[in-house]
Amino acid sequence: MIFLKPLALDNLSHFYTWLNDEDVIKYSLSLFQKLNTKTEIDNWYKTLLENKNNDLQLGIYLKERNKFIGYCGICNISKNTNEGEYFIFIGDKSWWGKGISTIVSKEIVRIGFEELKLDRIFLTVSEPNIGGVKSYRKSGFKQVEIIKNASFRDGKFHDKIVMEVMNIK
């Protein structure tokens, strides 16, 4: 149904629409709330592509159409603690609620453990993002903490849930 491959410059135009859609960015990076102009998005994406850190960043594509629908990966990878932070962003709303997030999450966990040799992958998710929480649970993530009032959206504070999956050896 999907495949993952490195982000490319030709993916940039999709972000112009996605990052200016309040529904799409509602539970995403706080940074996305501030990127509004084409120049701001261009600069962010250029930095993303030039990232020389140990971050894994992949585009999400539909197999049958080779259509770019989002991106995902593991950032803040620590060689000292063998862990990293998972993220996923499905910008194409027509693919929400179809199980894509769960498929991608399971594949990223596999890559993290088998290829990157991580011991732990964690994430934070906004408590009101019920679909995200369900998807992460289906992908093997377990809740480990709740951070109270950690995010401000829609004019109010809400909690963030910290989840993790461990590589049991």
Foldseek 3Di string as FASTA:
>chain_A
DKDKDADDPVVLVLCQVLLQDCVQCQWPDPVSVVQHDSVSSVVVVVCVNVDPDPWDKIFIADVVVRHTFWMWTWPPQDPVQLETETDIGGRRVVCPPVLPLLVVLLVRVCCSCPVVVGFKYKYKTWPVPVSNVVSVVSSAKDWDDKAAQPDAGPHGGTIITMIMHGDDD
